[in-house]
Amino acid sequence: MAEVRGGVESGDVRPELDEDLAEFSDFLRAVGRQIKLLRERAGLTQKEFAKEVGYTESLIGAVEQGKRTPQRELLEAAERILDAGGLLLVVAQDIERAKARARVRHPEWFRNYASLETSAIEHHDWSSYLAPGLLQTEDYARAVFRMRQPMLAEEMVEIRVTARMARQEILARWPRAVFSWVIDESVLHRRLGGPEVHRRQLERFLEIGDTRGMTLQVMPMDRAENAGMDGSFILITPKGRPQTGYMEVQMNGRLITDAEEVRLLNVRYGNLRAQAHSPQESLSLIEKMLGER
């Protein structure tokens, strides 16, 4: 079989997800109500509480309404400030378990690829218009899903964000897989989510580029030749299996298993790496962009 195609979702919600969605939504609302009750018991307004924990008032409001997933750092700070008696630490553990379960909460057309990614020993990614999913910050990922058309429900946005963050756990595994990314320079200039989200995403690129065993390169926009003009793609080698290609466009994902097609993608990726800035030049460019903002 030369390729495997995923199906297109209807409204980005597969039928069997309805029960999961309701459960996830109810869970977030219950956590939000607990935080709100503890905050009010402590006599703090949302603004005062936000200042104490070091987050924005709007984020605290969204968490209390069950529209945002509270991160462990927020829950640990809230536990201390609100004297929650261990309640919010237990909630943090529940959220970690929810993130683990979130691996199956991908769009149907993406699930075949996601199942291979978990066992990857090599991962090479050319991204021409968006930060690679494995490198996206939570806020960047949330901005991407919130701008999706047709619009996703807030609960679905949270499910998608949680699933994307759960995928990134493979970056911390040891022994570490071989990772490389070539990112078009236009991605660095695209301020999705606003200035602060953009800044944190650039900082994330620097963090990855400084990590041993990970290579990040930037393809300059002024290059006379660019081997990636046909679009983004990924080359992934699952443990014990042949290398596979993956392409994605407009809610359709395609796994490429034909040996000749995979070989051609390898040739293309090799050319991209040769045409791009070196890893050190790439980090210097990102640092310069951060310094100019």
C-alpha atoms as a PDB file:
ATOM      1  CA  MET A   1       0.000   0.000   0.000  1.00  0.00           C
ATOM      2  CA  ALA A   2       1.572   3.263  -1.115  1.00  0.00           C
ATOM      3  CA  GLU A   3      -0.351   5.673   1.052  1.00  0.00           C
ATOM      4  CA  VAL A   4      -2.975   5.975   3.759  1.00  0.00           C
ATOM      5  CA  ARG A   5      -5.399   8.861   3.753  1.00  0.00           C
ATOM      6  CA  GLY A   6      -7.412  10.119   6.687  1.00  0.00           C
ATOM      7  CA  GLY A   7     -11.013  11.199   6.432  1.00  0.00           C
ATOM      8  CA  VAL A   8     -12.324  14.748   6.696  1.00  0.00           C
ATOM      9  CA  GLU A   9     -14.038  15.637   9.918  1.00  0.00           C
ATOM     10  CA  SER A  10     -17.467  17.183  10.117  1.00  0.00           C
ATOM     11  CA  GLY A  11     -17.140  20.323  12.167  1.00  0.00           C
ATOM     12  CA  ASP A  12     -13.895  18.900  13.622  1.00  0.00           C
ATOM     13  CA  VAL A  13     -15.884  16.632  15.947  1.00  0.00           C
ATOM     14  CA  ARG A  14     -16.041  12.904  15.276  1.00  0.00           C
ATOM     15  CA  PRO A  15     -19.314  11.279  16.425  1.00  0.00           C
ATOM     16  CA  GLU A  16     -17.705   9.054  19.060  1.00  0.00           C
ATOM     17  CA  LEU A  17     -16.099  12.102  20.673  1.00  0.00           C
ATOM     18  CA  ASP A  18     -19.381  13.560  21.968  1.00  0.00           C
ATOM     19  CA  GLU A  19     -19.227  11.747  25.307  1.00  0.00           C
ATOM     20  CA  ASP A  20     -15.521  12.547  25.726  1.00  0.00           C
ATOM     21  CA  LEU A  21     -16.181  16.201  24.937  1.00  0.00           C
ATOM     22  CA  ALA A  22     -18.950  16.475  27.514  1.00  0.00           C
ATOM     23  CA  GLU A  23     -16.786  14.754  30.138  1.00  0.00           C
ATOM     24  CA  PHE A  24     -13.799  16.998  29.436  1.00  0.00           C
ATOM     25  CA  SER A  25     -15.955  20.137  29.473  1.00  0.00           C
ATOM     26  CA  ASP A  26     -17.620  19.199  32.756  1.00  0.00           C
ATOM     27  CA  PHE A  27     -14.227  18.444  34.288  1.00  0.00           C
ATOM     28  CA  LEU A  28     -12.841  21.871  33.377  1.00  0.00           C
ATOM     29  CA  ARG A  29     -15.947  23.629  34.697  1.00  0.00           C
ATOM     30  CA  ALA A  30     -15.740  21.710  37.981  1.00  0.00           C
ATOM     31  CA  VAL A  31     -12.086  22.695  38.409  1.00  0.00           C
ATOM     32  CA  GLY A  32     -12.947  26.311  37.631  1.00  0.00           C
ATOM     33  CA  ARG A  33     -15.737  26.342  40.194  1.00  0.00           C
ATOM     34  CA  GLN A  34     -13.390  24.940  42.841  1.00  0.00           C
ATOM     35  CA  ILE A  35     -10.810  27.646  42.173  1.00  0.00           C
ATOM     36  CA  LYS A  36     -13.466  30.365  42.228  1.00  0.00           C
ATOM     37  CA  LEU A  37     -14.924  29.080  45.518  1.00  0.00           C
ATOM     38  CA  LEU A  38     -11.484  28.974  47.147  1.00  0.00           C
ATOM     39  CA  ARG A  39     -10.647  32.446  45.832  1.00  0.00           C
ATOM     40  CA  GLU A  40     -13.855  33.953  47.161  1.00  0.00           C
ATOM     41  CA  ARG A  41     -13.373  32.186  50.497  1.00  0.00           C
ATOM     42  CA  ALA A  42      -9.969  33.880  50.691  1.00  0.00           C
ATOM     43  CA  GLY A  43     -11.614  37.252  50.036  1.00  0.00           C
ATOM     44  CA  LEU A  44      -9.747  37.908  46.792  1.00  0.00           C
ATOM     45  CA  THR A  45     -11.110  39.434  43.618  1.00  0.00           C
ATOM     46  CA  GLN A  46     -10.090  37.939  40.290  1.00  0.00           C
ATOM     47  CA  LYS A  47      -7.736  40.873  39.747  1.00  0.00           C
ATOM     48  CA  GLU A  48      -6.103  40.463  43.165  1.00  0.00           C
ATOM     49  CA  PHE A  49      -5.778  36.714  42.750  1.00  0.00           C
ATOM     50  CA  ALA A  50      -4.319  37.095  39.246  1.00  0.00           C
ATOM     51  CA  LYS A  51      -1.649  39.417  40.607  1.00  0.00           C
ATOM     52  CA  GLU A  52      -0.791  36.994  43.402  1.00  0.00           C
ATOM     53  CA  VAL A  53      -0.307  33.999  41.087  1.00  0.00           C
ATOM     54  CA  GLY A  54       1.366  35.976  38.322  1.00  0.00           C
ATOM     55  CA  TYR A  55      -1.234  35.459  35.579  1.00  0.00           C
ATOM     56  CA  THR A  56      -3.585  37.822  33.768  1.00  0.00           C
ATOM     57  CA  GLU A  57      -7.062  38.520  35.091  1.00  0.00           C
ATOM     58  CA  SER A  58      -8.584  37.394  31.784  1.00  0.00           C
ATOM     59  CA  LEU A  59      -6.851  34.016  32.045  1.00  0.00           C
ATOM     60  CA  ILE A  60      -8.086  33.504  35.607  1.00  0.00           C
ATOM     61  CA  GLY A  61     -11.591  34.358  34.433  1.00  0.00           C
ATOM     62  CA  ALA A  62     -11.340  31.839  31.606  1.00  0.00           C
ATOM     63  CA  VAL A  63     -10.077  29.136  34.002  1.00  0.00           C
ATOM     64  CA  GLU A  64     -12.912  29.776  36.446  1.00  0.00           C
ATOM     65  CA  GLN A  65     -15.415  29.497  33.588  1.00  0.00           C
ATOM     66  CA  GLY A  66     -13.893  26.203  32.462  1.00  0.00           C
ATOM     67  CA  LYS A  67     -12.704  27.657  29.157  1.00  0.00           C
ATOM     68  CA  ARG A  68      -8.981  27.198  29.803  1.00  0.00           C
ATOM     69  CA  THR A  69      -7.008  24.282  31.160  1.00  0.00           C
ATOM     70  CA  PRO A  70      -5.132  25.412  34.303  1.00  0.00           C
ATOM     71  CA  GLN A  71      -1.461  24.479  34.169  1.00  0.00           C
ATOM     72  CA  ARG A  72       0.343  22.791  37.068  1.00  0.00           C
ATOM     73  CA  GLU A  73       2.261  26.012  37.867  1.00  0.00           C
ATOM     74  CA  LEU A  74      -0.996  27.945  38.285  1.00  0.00           C
ATOM     75  CA  LEU A  75      -2.565  25.221  40.439  1.00  0.00           C
ATOM     76  CA  GLU A  76       0.514  24.976  42.658  1.00  0.00           C
ATOM     77  CA  ALA A  77       0.549  28.750  43.165  1.00  0.00           C
ATOM     78  CA  ALA A  78      -3.199  28.751  43.854  1.00  0.00           C
ATOM     79  CA  GLU A  79      -2.811  25.866  46.322  1.00  0.00           C
ATOM     80  CA  ARG A  80      -0.323  27.916  48.318  1.00  0.00           C
ATOM     81  CA  ILE A  81      -2.113  31.259  48.157  1.00  0.00           C
ATOM     82  CA  LEU A  82      -5.616  29.917  48.749  1.00  0.00           C
ATOM     83  CA  ASP A  83      -4.582  27.370  51.404  1.00  0.00           C
ATOM     84  CA  ALA A  84      -6.500  24.663  49.541  1.00  0.00           C
ATOM     85  CA  GLY A  85      -5.411  21.787  51.771  1.00  0.00           C
ATOM     86  CA  GLY A  86      -3.999  19.717  48.916  1.00  0.00           C
ATOM     87  CA  LEU A  87      -7.160  19.863  46.808  1.00  0.00           C
ATOM     88  CA  LEU A  88      -5.577  21.684  43.873  1.00  0.00           C
ATOM     89  CA  LEU A  89      -2.505  19.451  43.906  1.00  0.00           C
ATOM     90  CA  VAL A  90      -4.834  16.482  43.398  1.00  0.00           C
ATOM     91  CA  VAL A  91      -6.510  18.392  40.566  1.00  0.00           C
ATOM     92  CA  ALA A  92      -3.084  18.938  38.973  1.00  0.00           C
ATOM     93  CA  GLN A  93      -2.544  15.171  38.965  1.00  0.00           C
ATOM     94  CA  ASP A  94      -5.975  14.638  37.403  1.00  0.00           C
ATOM     95  CA  ILE A  95      -5.102  17.103  34.644  1.00  0.00           C
ATOM     96  CA  GLU A  96      -1.848  15.258  33.937  1.00  0.00           C
ATOM     97  CA  ARG A  97      -3.835  12.049  33.531  1.00  0.00           C
ATOM     98  CA  ALA A  98      -6.254  13.871  31.215  1.00  0.00           C
ATOM     99  CA  LYS A  99      -3.299  14.971  29.090  1.00  0.00           C
ATOM    100  CA  ALA A 100      -2.136  11.383  28.820  1.00  0.00           C
ATOM    101  CA  ARG A 101      -5.586  10.320  27.643  1.00  0.00           C
ATOM    102  CA  ALA A 102      -5.629  13.236  25.204  1.00  0.00           C
ATOM    103  CA  ARG A 103      -3.345  11.388  22.820  1.00  0.00           C
ATOM    104  CA  VAL A 104      -6.421   9.728  21.350  1.00  0.00           C
ATOM    105  CA  ARG A 105      -8.297  13.016  21.017  1.00  0.00           C
ATOM    106  CA  HIS A 106      -6.805  14.009  17.688  1.00  0.00           C
ATOM    107  CA  PRO A 107      -8.858  14.585  14.537  1.00  0.00           C
ATOM    108  CA  GLU A 108      -9.483  11.266  12.817  1.00  0.00           C
ATOM    109  CA  TRP A 109      -7.412  12.211   9.770  1.00  0.00           C
ATOM    110  CA  PHE A 110      -4.394  12.844  12.048  1.00  0.00           C
ATOM    111  CA  ARG A 111      -4.602   9.743  14.236  1.00  0.00           C
ATOM    112  CA  ASN A 112      -2.685   7.383  11.940  1.00  0.00           C
ATOM    113  CA  TYR A 113       0.282   9.719  11.976  1.00  0.00           C
ATOM    114  CA  ALA A 114       0.036  10.438  15.729  1.00  0.00           C
ATOM    115  CA  SER A 115       0.225   6.721  16.501  1.00  0.00           C
ATOM    116  CA  LEU A 116       3.526   6.486  14.585  1.00  0.00           C
ATOM    117  CA  GLU A 117       4.957   9.616  16.155  1.00  0.00           C
ATOM    118  CA  THR A 118       4.863   8.178  19.663  1.00  0.00           C
ATOM    119  CA  SER A 119       7.506   5.567  18.747  1.00  0.00           C
ATOM    120  CA  ALA A 120       9.665   7.748  16.487  1.00  0.00           C
ATOM    121  CA  ILE A 121      13.422   7.322  16.566  1.00  0.00           C
ATOM    122  CA  GLU A 122      13.898  10.003  13.876  1.00  0.00           C
ATOM    123  CA  HIS A 123      11.744  13.037  13.128  1.00  0.00           C
ATOM    124  CA  HIS A 124      12.524  15.587  10.399  1.00  0.00           C
ATOM    125  CA  ASP A 125      10.103  18.439   9.687  1.00  0.00           C
ATOM    126  CA  TRP A 126       9.882  21.146   7.013  1.00  0.00           C
ATOM    127  CA  SER A 127       7.388  23.854   8.041  1.00  0.00           C
ATOM    128  CA  SER A 128       6.578  26.513   5.486  1.00  0.00           C
ATOM    129  CA  TYR A 129       3.776  28.516   7.093  1.00  0.00           C
ATOM    130  CA  LEU A 130       3.271  27.586  10.780  1.00  0.00           C
ATOM    131  CA  ALA A 131       5.366  26.645  13.808  1.00  0.00           C
ATOM    132  CA  PRO A 132       5.711  22.830  13.887  1.00  0.00           C
ATOM    133  CA  GLY A 133       3.176  21.223  16.222  1.00  0.00           C
ATOM    134  CA  LEU A 134       5.866  19.648  18.411  1.00  0.00           C
ATOM    135  CA  LEU A 135       7.415  23.085  18.997  1.00  0.00           C
ATOM    136  CA  GLN A 136       4.290  25.170  19.551  1.00  0.00           C
ATOM    137  CA  THR A 137       3.772  26.836  22.905  1.00  0.00           C
ATOM    138  CA  GLU A 138       0.407  26.264  24.504  1.00  0.00           C
ATOM    139  CA  ASP A 139      -0.784  29.801  23.757  1.00  0.00           C
ATOM    140  CA  TYR A 140       0.390  29.592  20.145  1.00  0.00           C
ATOM    141  CA  ALA A 141      -1.450  26.294  19.685  1.00  0.00           C
ATOM    142  CA  ARG A 142      -4.559  27.789  21.271  1.00  0.00           C
ATOM    143  CA  ALA A 143      -4.400  30.765  18.896  1.00  0.00           C
ATOM    144  CA  VAL A 144      -4.102  28.408  15.917  1.00  0.00           C
ATOM    145  CA  PHE A 145      -7.128  26.368  16.950  1.00  0.00           C
ATOM    146  CA  ARG A 146      -9.222  29.416  17.876  1.00  0.00           C
ATOM    147  CA  MET A 147      -8.782  30.922  14.418  1.00  0.00           C
ATOM    148  CA  ARG A 148      -9.910  27.694  12.724  1.00  0.00           C
ATOM    149  CA  GLN A 149     -12.824  28.079  10.292  1.00  0.00           C
ATOM    150  CA  PRO A 150     -15.497  26.953  10.782  1.00  0.00           C
ATOM    151  CA  MET A 151     -15.014  27.953  14.396  1.00  0.00           C
ATOM    152  CA  LEU A 152     -14.418  25.290  17.013  1.00  0.00           C
ATOM    153  CA  ALA A 153     -16.271  25.297  20.331  1.00  0.00           C
ATOM    154  CA  GLU A 154     -14.086  26.444  23.228  1.00  0.00           C
ATOM    155  CA  GLU A 155     -14.288  22.953  24.715  1.00  0.00           C
ATOM    156  CA  MET A 156     -12.964  21.483  21.465  1.00  0.00           C
ATOM    157  CA  VAL A 157     -10.180  24.061  21.363  1.00  0.00           C
ATOM    158  CA  GLU A 158      -9.073  22.900  24.817  1.00  0.00           C
ATOM    159  CA  ILE A 159      -9.172  19.255  23.767  1.00  0.00           C
ATOM    160  CA  ARG A 160      -7.050  20.013  20.716  1.00  0.00           C
ATOM    161  CA  VAL A 161      -4.557  22.084  22.738  1.00  0.00           C
ATOM    162  CA  THR A 162      -4.253  19.403  25.428  1.00  0.00           C
ATOM    163  CA  ALA A 163      -3.681  16.732  22.780  1.00  0.00           C
ATOM    164  CA  ARG A 164      -1.001  18.817  21.073  1.00  0.00           C
ATOM    165  CA  MET A 165       0.834  19.479  24.326  1.00  0.00           C
ATOM    166  CA  ALA A 166       0.686  15.763  25.180  1.00  0.00           C
ATOM    167  CA  ARG A 167       2.421  14.955  21.881  1.00  0.00           C
ATOM    168  CA  GLN A 168       5.389  17.068  22.943  1.00  0.00           C
ATOM    169  CA  GLU A 169       6.307  14.620  25.681  1.00  0.00           C
ATOM    170  CA  ILE A 170       8.352  12.694  23.097  1.00  0.00           C
ATOM    171  CA  LEU A 171      10.841  15.589  23.112  1.00  0.00           C
ATOM    172  CA  ALA A 172      11.793  14.785  26.716  1.00  0.00           C
ATOM    173  CA  ARG A 173      12.169  11.017  26.375  1.00  0.00           C
ATOM    174  CA  TRP A 174      15.500   9.313  26.787  1.00  0.00           C
ATOM    175  CA  PRO A 175      17.210   7.947  24.820  1.00  0.00           C
ATOM    176  CA  ARG A 176      16.204  10.905  22.693  1.00  0.00           C
ATOM    177  CA  ALA A 177      15.116  10.460  19.109  1.00  0.00           C
ATOM    178  CA  VAL A 178      16.936  12.363  16.353  1.00  0.00           C
ATOM    179  CA  PHE A 179      15.035  15.600  15.728  1.00  0.00           C
ATOM    180  CA  SER A 180      15.523  18.274  13.099  1.00  0.00           C
ATOM    181  CA  TRP A 181      13.371  21.115  11.841  1.00  0.00           C
ATOM    182  CA  VAL A 182      13.708  23.511   8.924  1.00  0.00           C
ATOM    183  CA  ILE A 183      11.355  26.452   9.352  1.00  0.00           C
ATOM    184  CA  ASP A 184      10.621  29.092   6.749  1.00  0.00           C
ATOM    185  CA  GLU A 185      11.623  32.575   7.895  1.00  0.00           C
ATOM    186  CA  SER A 186       8.080  33.816   7.231  1.00  0.00           C
ATOM    187  CA  VAL A 187       6.923  31.689  10.185  1.00  0.00           C
ATOM    188  CA  LEU A 188       9.154  33.765  12.477  1.00  0.00           C
ATOM    189  CA  HIS A 189       7.505  36.992  11.320  1.00  0.00           C
ATOM    190  CA  ARG A 190       3.892  35.773  11.520  1.00  0.00           C
ATOM    191  CA  ARG A 191       2.590  37.103  14.856  1.00  0.00           C
ATOM    192  CA  LEU A 192      -0.183  34.603  15.423  1.00  0.00           C
ATOM    193  CA  GLY A 193      -1.913  35.195  18.745  1.00  0.00           C
ATOM    194  CA  GLY A 194      -0.419  38.670  19.231  1.00  0.00           C
ATOM    195  CA  PRO A 195       2.951  40.110  20.321  1.00  0.00           C
ATOM    196  CA  GLU A 196       3.391  38.197  23.601  1.00  0.00           C
ATOM    197  CA  VAL A 197       2.395  34.846  22.133  1.00  0.00           C
ATOM    198  CA  HIS A 198       4.773  35.552  19.247  1.00  0.00           C
ATOM    199  CA  ARG A 199       7.635  36.399  21.595  1.00  0.00           C
ATOM    200  CA  ARG A 200       7.173  33.248  23.650  1.00  0.00           C
ATOM    201  CA  GLN A 201       7.100  31.172  20.463  1.00  0.00           C
ATOM    202  CA  LEU A 202      10.407  32.665  19.307  1.00  0.00           C
ATOM    203  CA  GLU A 203      11.869  31.938  22.738  1.00  0.00           C
ATOM    204  CA  ARG A 204      10.640  28.359  22.389  1.00  0.00           C
ATOM    205  CA  PHE A 205      12.520  28.040  19.104  1.00  0.00           C
ATOM    206  CA  LEU A 206      15.692  29.241  20.834  1.00  0.00           C
ATOM    207  CA  GLU A 207      15.195  26.741  23.651  1.00  0.00           C
ATOM    208  CA  ILE A 208      14.819  23.878  21.178  1.00  0.00           C
ATOM    209  CA  GLY A 209      17.774  25.016  19.077  1.00  0.00           C
ATOM    210  CA  ASP A 210      19.980  25.038  22.181  1.00  0.00           C
ATOM    211  CA  THR A 211      18.979  21.494  23.172  1.00  0.00           C
ATOM    212  CA  ARG A 212      21.464  18.712  22.554  1.00  0.00           C
ATOM    213  CA  GLY A 213      20.274  16.284  19.907  1.00  0.00           C
ATOM    214  CA  MET A 214      17.864  18.765  18.316  1.00  0.00           C
ATOM    215  CA  THR A 215      18.643  20.841  15.220  1.00  0.00           C
ATOM    216  CA  LEU A 216      16.650  23.876  14.146  1.00  0.00           C
ATOM    217  CA  GLN A 217      17.359  25.770  10.924  1.00  0.00           C
ATOM    218  CA  VAL A 218      15.675  28.762   9.315  1.00  0.00           C
ATOM    219  CA  MET A 219      15.125  29.019   5.558  1.00  0.00           C
ATOM    220  CA  PRO A 220      15.751  32.668   4.603  1.00  0.00           C
ATOM    221  CA  MET A 221      13.109  34.397   2.510  1.00  0.00           C
ATOM    222  CA  ASP A 222      15.749  35.964   0.281  1.00  0.00           C
ATOM    223  CA  ARG A 223      17.054  32.623  -1.036  1.00  0.00           C
ATOM    224  CA  ALA A 224      16.938  32.370  -4.817  1.00  0.00           C
ATOM    225  CA  GLU A 225      16.101  28.658  -4.491  1.00  0.00           C
ATOM    226  CA  ASN A 226      13.855  26.864  -2.028  1.00  0.00           C
ATOM    227  CA  ALA A 227      13.294  23.107  -2.348  1.00  0.00           C
ATOM    228  CA  GLY A 228      10.173  23.252  -0.164  1.00  0.00           C
ATOM    229  CA  MET A 229       7.840  25.365  -2.266  1.00  0.00           C
ATOM    230  CA  ASP A 230       5.453  22.441  -2.763  1.00  0.00           C
ATOM    231  CA  GLY A 231       4.483  22.647   0.912  1.00  0.00           C
ATOM    232  CA  SER A 232       5.281  21.335   4.376  1.00  0.00           C
ATOM    233  CA  PHE A 233       6.058  17.684   5.104  1.00  0.00           C
ATOM    234  CA  ILE A 234       7.479  15.407   7.790  1.00  0.00           C
ATOM    235  CA  LEU A 235       9.797  12.412   7.561  1.00  0.00           C
ATOM    236  CA  ILE A 236       9.403  10.071  10.508  1.00  0.00           C
ATOM    237  CA  THR A 237      11.018   6.742  11.351  1.00  0.00           C
ATOM    238  CA  PRO A 238       9.001   4.713  13.893  1.00  0.00           C
ATOM    239  CA  LYS A 239      10.988   2.155  15.878  1.00  0.00           C
ATOM    240  CA  GLY A 240      11.270  -1.102  13.962  1.00  0.00           C
ATOM    241  CA  ARG A 241       9.506   0.268  10.885  1.00  0.00           C
ATOM    242  CA  PRO A 242      10.562   1.919   7.608  1.00  0.00           C
ATOM    243  CA  GLN A 243      10.715   5.682   7.321  1.00  0.00           C
ATOM    244  CA  THR A 244       7.380   7.249   6.437  1.00  0.00           C
ATOM    245  CA  GLY A 245       6.407  10.620   5.005  1.00  0.00           C
ATOM    246  CA  TYR A 246       3.488  12.735   6.134  1.00  0.00           C
ATOM    247  CA  MET A 247       1.753  15.696   4.508  1.00  0.00           C
ATOM    248  CA  GLU A 248      -1.240  17.663   5.678  1.00  0.00           C
ATOM    249  CA  VAL A 249      -3.538  20.216   4.071  1.00  0.00           C
ATOM    250  CA  GLN A 250      -7.045  21.520   4.795  1.00  0.00           C
ATOM    251  CA  MET A 251      -8.099  18.881   7.352  1.00  0.00           C
ATOM    252  CA  ASN A 252      -6.623  16.044   5.315  1.00  0.00           C
ATOM    253  CA  GLY A 253      -3.566  14.049   6.307  1.00  0.00           C
ATOM    254  CA  ARG A 254      -1.641  11.660   4.065  1.00  0.00           C
ATOM    255  CA  LEU A 255       0.879   9.049   5.192  1.00  0.00           C
ATOM    256  CA  ILE A 256       3.405   8.178   2.491  1.00  0.00           C
ATOM    257  CA  THR A 257       4.841   4.659   2.620  1.00  0.00           C
ATOM    258  CA  ASP A 258       5.924   4.155  -0.992  1.00  0.00           C
ATOM    259  CA  ALA A 259       9.722   3.770  -0.901  1.00  0.00           C
ATOM    260  CA  GLU A 260      10.342   5.938  -3.974  1.00  0.00           C
ATOM    261  CA  GLU A 261       8.164   8.780  -2.713  1.00  0.00           C
ATOM    262  CA  VAL A 262       9.879   8.653   0.681  1.00  0.00           C
ATOM    263  CA  ARG A 263      13.276   8.717  -1.059  1.00  0.00           C
ATOM    264  CA  LEU A 264      12.298  11.835  -3.000  1.00  0.00           C
ATOM    265  CA  LEU A 265      11.174  13.553   0.191  1.00  0.00           C
ATOM    266  CA  ASN A 266      14.566  12.721   1.707  1.00  0.00           C
ATOM    267  CA  VAL A 267      16.308  14.327  -1.274  1.00  0.00           C
ATOM    268  CA  ARG A 268      14.109  17.385  -0.920  1.00  0.00           C
ATOM    269  CA  TYR A 269      14.756  17.631   2.809  1.00  0.00           C
ATOM    270  CA  GLY A 270      18.499  17.334   2.271  1.00  0.00           C
ATOM    271  CA  ASN A 271      18.354  20.234  -0.175  1.00  0.00           C
ATOM    272  CA  LEU A 272      16.318  22.282   2.285  1.00  0.00           C
ATOM    273  CA  ARG A 273      18.927  21.808   5.007  1.00  0.00           C
ATOM    274  CA  ALA A 274      21.692  22.795   2.589  1.00  0.00           C
ATOM    275  CA  GLN A 275      19.818  25.922   1.477  1.00  0.00           C
ATOM    276  CA  ALA A 276      18.823  27.044   4.978  1.00  0.00           C
ATOM    277  CA  HIS A 277      20.863  29.016   7.482  1.00  0.00           C
ATOM    278  CA  SER A 278      23.169  26.900   9.625  1.00  0.00           C
ATOM    279  CA  PRO A 279      21.825  26.051  13.103  1.00  0.00           C
ATOM    280  CA  GLN A 280      23.973  28.760  14.719  1.00  0.00           C
ATOM    281  CA  GLU A 281      23.037  31.368  12.103  1.00  0.00           C
ATOM    282  CA  SER A 282      19.389  30.448  12.644  1.00  0.00           C
ATOM    283  CA  LEU A 283      19.580  30.984  16.410  1.00  0.00           C
ATOM    284  CA  SER A 284      21.391  34.281  15.881  1.00  0.00           C
ATOM    285  CA  LEU A 285      18.589  35.438  13.580  1.00  0.00           C
ATOM    286  CA  ILE A 286      15.930  34.565  16.156  1.00  0.00           C
ATOM    287  CA  GLU A 287      17.899  36.295  18.909  1.00  0.00           C
ATOM    288  CA  LYS A 288      18.158  39.396  16.739  1.00  0.00           C
ATOM    289  CA  MET A 289      14.401  39.371  16.145  1.00  0.00           C
ATOM    290  CA  LEU A 290      13.740  39.124  19.880  1.00  0.00           C
ATOM    291  CA  GLY A 291      16.146  41.974  20.575  1.00  0.00           C
ATOM    292  CA  GLU A 292      14.406  44.225  18.070  1.00  0.00           C
ATOM    293  CA  ARG A 293      10.936  43.733  19.548  1.00  0.00           C
END
